[in-house]
Protein backbone atom coordinates (compact mmCIF):
# COMPACT_ATOMS: atom_id res chain seq x y z
CA UNK A 1 -0.16 0.01 -0.07
CA UNK A 2 0.72 3.61 -0.87
CA UNK A 3 1.50 5.73 1.85
CA UNK A 4 3.37 8.70 3.58
CA UNK A 5 4.71 11.63 2.64
CA UNK A 6 5.75 11.43 -1.48
CA UNK A 7 7.95 14.25 -2.59
CA UNK A 8 7.53 15.71 -6.06
CA UNK A 9 10.54 16.05 -7.70
CA UNK A 10 11.94 19.30 -9.37
CA UNK A 11 13.92 18.89 -12.22
CA UNK A 12 16.92 20.87 -12.17
CA UNK A 13 18.21 22.98 -15.12
CA UNK A 14 21.74 23.82 -17.31
CA UNK A 15 22.01 27.23 -18.69
CA UNK A 16 21.80 25.71 -21.79
CA UNK A 17 18.17 24.30 -20.98
CA UNK A 18 19.20 20.40 -20.41
CA UNK A 19 18.51 18.58 -17.55
CA UNK A 20 21.41 19.22 -14.69
CA UNK A 21 21.28 15.28 -13.90
CA UNK A 22 24.01 15.66 -11.45
CA UNK A 23 22.06 18.17 -9.50
CA UNK A 24 18.97 16.29 -9.38
CA UNK A 25 20.95 13.11 -8.23
CA UNK A 26 21.98 15.15 -5.32
CA UNK A 27 18.40 16.40 -5.12
CA UNK A 28 17.36 12.72 -4.54
CA UNK A 29 19.60 11.58 -2.23
CA UNK A 30 19.41 14.63 0.46
CA UNK A 31 15.73 13.96 0.06
CA UNK A 32 16.02 10.48 1.20
CA UNK A 33 18.64 11.19 4.02
CA UNK A 34 16.13 13.94 5.53
CA UNK A 35 13.29 10.71 5.56
CA UNK A 36 10.68 11.38 3.13
CA UNK A 37 8.07 8.16 2.60
CA UNK A 38 8.88 8.07 -1.44
CA UNK A 39 9.65 10.00 -3.72
CA UNK A 40 7.38 11.35 -7.05
CA UNK A 41 9.03 12.02 -10.23
CA UNK A 42 7.43 13.83 -13.12
CA UNK A 43 4.68 15.67 -11.25
CA UNK A 44 2.96 18.86 -11.99
CA UNK A 45 6.07 20.42 -9.28
CA UNK A 46 8.57 18.72 -11.57
CA UNK A 47 7.21 20.46 -14.61
CA UNK A 48 6.75 17.38 -16.85
CA UNK A 49 4.86 19.07 -19.37
CA UNK A 50 7.94 20.98 -20.36
CA UNK A 51 10.10 17.85 -20.96
CA UNK A 52 9.89 15.85 -23.61
CA UNK A 53 8.93 12.24 -23.48
CA UNK A 54 12.33 10.98 -23.68
CA UNK A 55 13.42 13.35 -21.11
CA UNK A 56 10.84 12.10 -18.59
CA UNK A 57 11.64 8.61 -18.87
CA UNK A 58 15.21 9.66 -18.64
CA UNK A 59 14.27 11.99 -15.00
CA UNK A 60 12.82 8.46 -13.55
CA UNK A 61 15.72 6.46 -14.68
CA UNK A 62 17.47 8.82 -12.67
CA UNK A 63 15.67 9.30 -9.63
CA UNK A 64 15.77 5.15 -9.77
CA UNK A 65 19.37 4.83 -10.34
CA UNK A 66 20.11 7.17 -7.27
CA UNK A 67 17.26 5.86 -5.02
CA UNK A 68 18.90 2.68 -5.26
CA UNK A 69 15.51 0.85 -3.70
CA UNK A 70 15.58 3.05 -0.60
CA UNK A 71 12.37 4.49 -0.98
CA UNK A 72 9.04 3.61 -2.94
CA UNK A 73 8.79 5.77 -6.39
CA UNK A 74 5.73 6.64 -7.60
CA UNK A 75 6.52 8.15 -11.12
CA UNK A 76 4.30 10.46 -12.81
CA UNK A 77 3.08 9.02 -16.71
CA UNK A 78 0.06 11.14 -17.53
CA UNK A 79 1.12 10.97 -21.39
CA UNK A 80 -1.61 12.82 -24.07
CA UNK A 81 -2.46 9.16 -25.60
CA UNK A 82 -2.61 5.44 -24.72
CA UNK A 83 -0.12 4.27 -26.85
CA UNK A 84 2.20 6.52 -24.80
CA UNK A 85 1.32 5.88 -21.30
CA UNK A 86 1.59 2.15 -22.37
CA UNK A 87 4.97 2.65 -22.90
CA UNK A 88 6.01 4.64 -20.02
CA UNK A 89 4.00 2.02 -17.78
CA UNK A 90 6.01 -0.49 -19.39
CA UNK A 91 9.62 1.60 -18.74
CA UNK A 92 8.91 2.50 -15.20
CA UNK A 93 7.66 -1.31 -14.20
CA UNK A 94 11.11 -2.74 -15.88
CA UNK A 95 13.00 -0.12 -13.60
CA UNK A 96 11.26 -1.10 -10.79
CA UNK A 97 8.82 1.81 -9.38
CA UNK A 98 6.10 0.78 -7.21
CA UNK A 99 3.09 2.62 -9.26
CA UNK A 100 2.17 5.09 -11.98
CA UNK A 101 0.37 8.68 -11.34
CA UNK A 102 -1.92 8.74 -14.00
CA UNK A 103 -4.05 12.36 -14.63
CA UNK A 104 -7.14 12.36 -16.40
CA UNK A 105 -7.55 12.87 -20.04
CA UNK A 106 -5.97 16.76 -20.50
CA UNK A 107 -6.47 19.51 -23.19
CA UNK A 108 -9.48 18.29 -24.22
CA UNK A 109 -12.82 18.35 -22.33
CA UNK A 110 -14.32 14.85 -22.36
CA UNK A 111 -17.17 13.11 -21.21
CA UNK A 112 -16.92 11.08 -17.80
CA UNK A 113 -17.91 8.01 -19.17
CA UNK A 114 -15.27 8.17 -21.82
CA UNK A 115 -12.65 9.18 -18.57
CA UNK A 116 -13.92 5.98 -17.03
CA UNK A 117 -13.51 3.87 -20.44
CA UNK A 118 -10.25 5.08 -20.68
CA UNK A 119 -9.02 4.34 -17.10
CA UNK A 120 -10.61 0.90 -17.65
CA UNK A 121 -9.04 -0.08 -20.78
CA UNK A 122 -5.51 1.45 -19.13
CA UNK A 123 -6.02 -1.01 -16.03
CA UNK A 124 -6.59 -3.78 -17.80
CA UNK A 125 -3.03 -3.18 -20.15
CA UNK A 126 -0.77 -2.09 -17.44
CA UNK A 127 2.22 -3.90 -16.14
CA UNK A 128 2.18 -1.72 -13.22
CA UNK A 129 -0.24 -0.59 -10.64
CA UNK A 130 -1.85 2.80 -11.48
CA UNK A 131 -2.45 5.43 -9.13
CA UNK A 132 -5.53 7.98 -10.85
CA UNK A 133 -4.43 11.84 -10.27
CA UNK A 134 -7.50 14.07 -10.04
CA UNK A 135 -6.34 17.69 -10.83
CA UNK A 136 -8.84 19.18 -12.51
CA UNK A 137 -7.42 22.56 -12.76
CA UNK A 138 -4.95 21.15 -15.28
CA UNK A 139 -6.65 17.99 -16.42
CA UNK A 140 -10.53 16.49 -16.94
CA UNK A 141 -11.61 15.68 -13.03
CA UNK A 142 -12.36 12.74 -12.59
CA UNK A 143 -16.08 12.52 -10.61
CA UNK A 144 -16.10 10.64 -7.35
CA UNK A 145 -18.88 8.40 -8.93
CA UNK A 146 -16.19 7.00 -11.70
CA UNK A 147 -13.94 7.04 -8.97
CA UNK A 148 -15.38 4.73 -6.92
CA UNK A 149 -16.37 2.43 -9.41
CA UNK A 150 -12.73 1.92 -11.10
CA UNK A 151 -11.80 1.42 -7.33
CA UNK A 152 -13.85 -1.23 -7.05
CA UNK A 153 -13.90 -3.10 -10.10
CA UNK A 154 -10.38 -2.77 -11.44
CA UNK A 155 -7.62 -4.33 -9.07
CA UNK A 156 -4.90 -2.60 -11.05
CA UNK A 157 -5.54 0.90 -9.79
CA UNK A 158 -4.83 0.78 -6.27
CA UNK A 159 -5.18 4.61 -4.83
CA UNK A 160 -6.06 8.24 -5.83
CA UNK A 161 -4.24 11.34 -5.19
CA UNK A 162 -6.30 14.33 -4.83
CA UNK A 163 -4.69 17.39 -5.85
CA UNK A 164 -8.43 19.23 -6.28
CA UNK A 165 -8.20 21.52 -3.37
CA UNK A 166 -11.56 20.46 -2.52
CA UNK A 167 -12.07 18.81 1.02
CA UNK A 168 -15.33 18.26 1.11
CA UNK A 169 -15.06 16.04 -2.31
CA UNK A 170 -11.97 14.40 -0.63
CA UNK A 171 -14.42 13.42 2.36
CA UNK A 172 -16.60 12.06 -0.23
CA UNK A 173 -13.98 9.97 -1.50
CA UNK A 174 -12.99 8.59 1.57
CA UNK A 175 -16.31 7.65 2.40
CA UNK A 176 -17.26 6.36 -0.94
CA UNK A 177 -14.28 4.00 -1.28
CA UNK A 178 -12.53 3.09 1.83
CA UNK A 179 -15.10 1.16 3.46
CA UNK A 180 -15.22 -1.12 0.80
CA UNK A 181 -11.37 -1.23 -0.39
CA UNK A 182 -9.91 -0.26 2.74
CA UNK A 183 -6.23 -1.17 1.11
CA UNK A 184 -7.06 1.54 -1.87
CA UNK A 185 -4.62 4.35 -0.66
CA UNK A 186 -5.93 7.98 -0.76
CA UNK A 187 -3.51 10.66 -1.07
CA UNK A 188 -3.98 14.42 -0.52
CA UNK A 189 -1.95 16.98 -2.50
CA UNK A 190 -2.57 20.19 -0.94
CA UNK A 191 -0.29 20.36 1.71
CA UNK A 192 -2.93 23.32 3.19
CA UNK A 193 -5.15 20.16 4.51
CA UNK A 194 -2.68 17.54 5.06
CA UNK A 195 -3.62 17.22 8.70
CA UNK A 196 -7.02 17.26 8.33
CA UNK A 197 -6.83 14.85 5.75
CA UNK A 198 -4.59 12.37 7.74
CA UNK A 199 -7.03 12.54 10.60
CA UNK A 200 -10.15 11.84 8.38
CA UNK A 201 -8.58 8.81 7.44
CA UNK A 202 -6.25 9.72 4.39
CA UNK A 203 -2.89 7.29 3.67
CA UNK A 204 -0.73 10.43 3.04
CA UNK A 205 0.11 12.77 0.77
CA UNK A 206 2.20 14.25 -2.41
CA UNK A 207 3.42 17.40 -0.86
CA UNK A 208 5.68 19.83 -2.79
CA UNK A 209 7.04 21.72 -0.22
CA UNK A 210 8.51 18.59 1.73
CA UNK A 211 11.43 18.88 -1.44
CA UNK A 212 12.08 22.50 0.33
CA UNK A 213 11.28 21.08 4.32
CA UNK A 214 11.36 17.71 4.40
CA UNK A 215 12.06 18.28 8.21
CA UNK A 216 9.52 19.95 8.95
CA UNK A 217 6.69 18.27 6.83
CA UNK A 218 8.05 14.40 7.91
CA UNK A 219 7.89 15.77 11.64
CA UNK A 220 4.05 17.01 11.51
CA UNK A 221 3.64 13.60 9.47
CA UNK A 222 5.15 11.68 12.91
CA UNK A 223 3.85 13.72 15.58
CA UNK A 224 0.28 12.40 13.70
CA UNK A 225 1.22 8.79 13.64
CA UNK A 226 2.35 8.90 17.00
CA UNK A 227 -0.78 10.73 17.95
CA UNK A 228 0.34 13.74 19.28
CA UNK A 229 -2.08 15.73 17.11
CA UNK A 230 -1.48 18.99 19.22
CA UNK A 231 1.85 19.34 17.89
CA UNK A 232 0.99 18.30 14.51
CA UNK A 233 -1.40 21.09 14.38
CA UNK A 234 0.74 23.60 15.73
CA UNK A 235 3.22 22.37 12.66
CA UNK A 236 0.44 22.98 10.19
CA UNK A 237 -0.56 25.96 10.88
CA UNK A 238 3.26 27.78 11.18
CA UNK A 239 3.45 26.36 7.54
CA UNK A 240 0.70 28.16 5.94
CA UNK A 241 2.91 31.59 5.26
CA UNK A 242 5.62 29.19 3.43
CA UNK A 243 3.15 27.45 1.61
CA UNK A 244 0.97 30.45 0.32
CA UNK A 245 4.47 32.06 -0.20
CA UNK A 246 6.02 29.56 -2.54
CA UNK A 247 2.51 28.61 -4.02
CA UNK A 248 0.79 31.99 -5.03
CA UNK A 249 4.10 34.41 -5.45
CA UNK A 250 4.98 33.78 -9.29
CA UNK A 251 3.80 31.39 -11.73
CA UNK A 252 3.75 27.66 -10.02
CA UNK A 253 6.22 25.98 -9.61
CA UNK A 254 8.77 28.94 -9.50
CA UNK A 255 7.88 29.27 -5.54
CA UNK A 256 8.94 26.11 -4.73
CA UNK A 257 12.49 26.30 -7.11
CA UNK A 258 13.10 29.67 -5.40
CA UNK A 259 12.93 27.69 -1.29
CA UNK A 260 14.83 24.76 -2.84
CA UNK A 261 17.66 27.00 -4.13
CA UNK A 262 17.65 28.79 -0.67
CA UNK A 263 18.37 25.22 0.85
CA UNK A 264 21.27 25.11 -1.44
CA UNK A 265 20.53 23.31 -4.67
CA UNK A 266 21.14 24.81 -8.18
CA UNK A 267 17.62 24.81 -10.05
CA UNK A 268 18.85 26.69 -12.97
CA UNK A 269 16.44 28.81 -15.08
CA UNK A 270 12.87 27.25 -15.40
CA UNK A 271 11.89 26.68 -19.36
CA UNK A 272 8.61 29.30 -18.78
CA UNK A 273 10.15 32.46 -19.71
CA UNK A 274 9.26 35.26 -17.09
CA UNK A 275 8.36 38.79 -18.04
CA UNK A 276 10.48 41.49 -16.62
CA UNK A 277 7.84 41.99 -14.48
CA UNK A 278 7.52 38.68 -13.28
CA UNK A 279 11.34 38.16 -12.41
CA UNK A 280 11.25 41.47 -10.80
CA UNK A 281 8.58 40.16 -8.53
CA UNK A 282 10.74 36.92 -8.43
CA UNK A 283 13.25 38.58 -6.68
CA UNK A 284 10.87 40.43 -4.26
CA UNK A 285 9.43 36.93 -3.79
CA UNK A 286 12.80 35.05 -3.28
CA UNK A 287 13.31 37.78 0.14
CA UNK A 288 10.51 36.25 1.43
CA UNK A 289 10.55 33.17 1.31
CA UNK A 290 14.72 33.65 2.55
CA UNK A 291 13.29 35.41 5.72
CA UNK A 292 10.51 32.59 6.49
CA UNK A 293 13.18 30.32 6.27
CA UNK A 294 15.01 31.89 8.22
CA UNK A 295 12.85 32.52 10.57
CA UNK A 296 11.92 28.48 10.81
CA UNK A 297 15.63 28.09 11.85
CA UNK A 298 16.96 27.03 8.34
CA UNK A 299 19.94 29.24 8.99
CA UNK A 300 21.54 28.52 5.03
CA UNK A 301 18.20 31.10 4.15
CA UNK A 302 19.32 34.26 6.36
CA UNK A 303 22.04 36.06 4.33
CA UNK A 304 19.93 35.96 1.12
CA UNK A 305 16.63 37.04 3.66
CA UNK A 306 19.68 40.01 4.38
CA UNK A 307 20.40 40.62 0.78
CA UNK A 308 16.71 40.21 -1.29
CA UNK A 309 14.49 41.02 2.16
CA UNK A 310 16.24 43.13 4.13
CA UNK A 311 15.54 43.96 7.69
CA UNK A 312 12.16 44.87 7.28
CA UNK A 313 11.32 42.05 5.20
CA UNK A 314 12.29 39.79 7.51
CA UNK A 315 9.92 41.49 10.60
CA UNK A 316 7.08 41.42 7.88
CA UNK A 317 8.32 37.67 7.45
CA UNK A 318 7.93 36.79 11.03
CA UNK A 319 5.10 39.33 12.15
CA UNK A 320 1.77 37.18 12.87
CA UNK A 321 2.93 33.87 12.65
CA UNK A 322 5.80 33.30 15.25
CA UNK A 323 7.42 30.27 14.07
CA UNK A 324 10.65 30.14 15.99
CA UNK A 325 9.30 28.73 18.65
CA UNK A 326 7.81 25.16 17.29
CA UNK A 327 9.74 25.06 13.81
CA UNK A 328 13.24 25.93 15.55
CA UNK A 329 12.54 23.09 17.99
CA UNK A 330 11.62 20.69 15.22
CA UNK A 331 14.88 21.97 13.72
CA UNK A 332 17.23 21.06 16.56
CA UNK A 333 15.77 17.74 16.99
CA UNK A 334 16.85 16.70 13.42
CA UNK A 335 19.66 17.77 13.76
CA UNK A 336 20.38 16.02 16.83
CA UNK A 337 22.45 12.85 16.55
CA UNK A 338 19.78 10.59 18.15
CA UNK A 339 17.43 12.05 15.68
CA UNK A 340 19.27 11.49 12.43
CA UNK A 341 20.20 7.77 13.50
CA UNK A 342 23.95 8.57 13.39
CA UNK A 343 26.35 8.26 16.11
């Protein structure tokens, strides 16, 4: 069963626009060392739609090679037609991924009847387990009735990742499927409601901010698992400012790329061109994110906070959120030898 916190992998680029494979490998090792439950390459945060089909397969190959079987890999396989999806499924099955994540058809609007038939055919022919990816912002929605029928009729379909940001819909999914198929993995894709979803019975999430602050997201998850819900709730609230800044500051997923850069990685230039105004806005966003990270106890962001945000921005970033007490304590725990598991 797929459960826990899966990190959607960002893709670093070189100055010439090619994938920076060495940096991607470094990111994979760093995330595993920080304790994430699994990796999720070729998701929305990884900008799969801006990569060629061959590049998408190469990203999965790199992540698998560097992972060396340490954590399960959920591979994004949201291609534009059934033939390409099945080729991706076979490739990722051969590489040893635990499952693939596939959206509803995108670009063209199609009926729910077509979506159900599409996934039934895919489930018959796929050599690897399938997690349905409901993200109506970017693709056709997979309705709850269709999702329920697929979950109950198709053993090859083993879960759903819901990034709709619609919590009542997610609860309806849990209510419709879990009593009849308890092993069906229900993952949330929105970190703002991660704890609420866990409390209502979800199995984990694909959480973009776990690529930037994996220590804190995994602490939230471990506090929940230990039944310390008050502590988990406190961390959830403290994360909201950081999540909002990274998610809404500039074109998605630029904020997460900025956050990862502030943790010491070279992401390069995105393949989505930014206007001059957006480039200026990005500098301001870098200062805001840096100051929030610095307030959270991430010392590597302090210099960028002073450089891009300045003292006023640092005060503004910290005002009203009071993150220092709990999140710095979280960081202390993760930095101690006992917490890291090393002597």
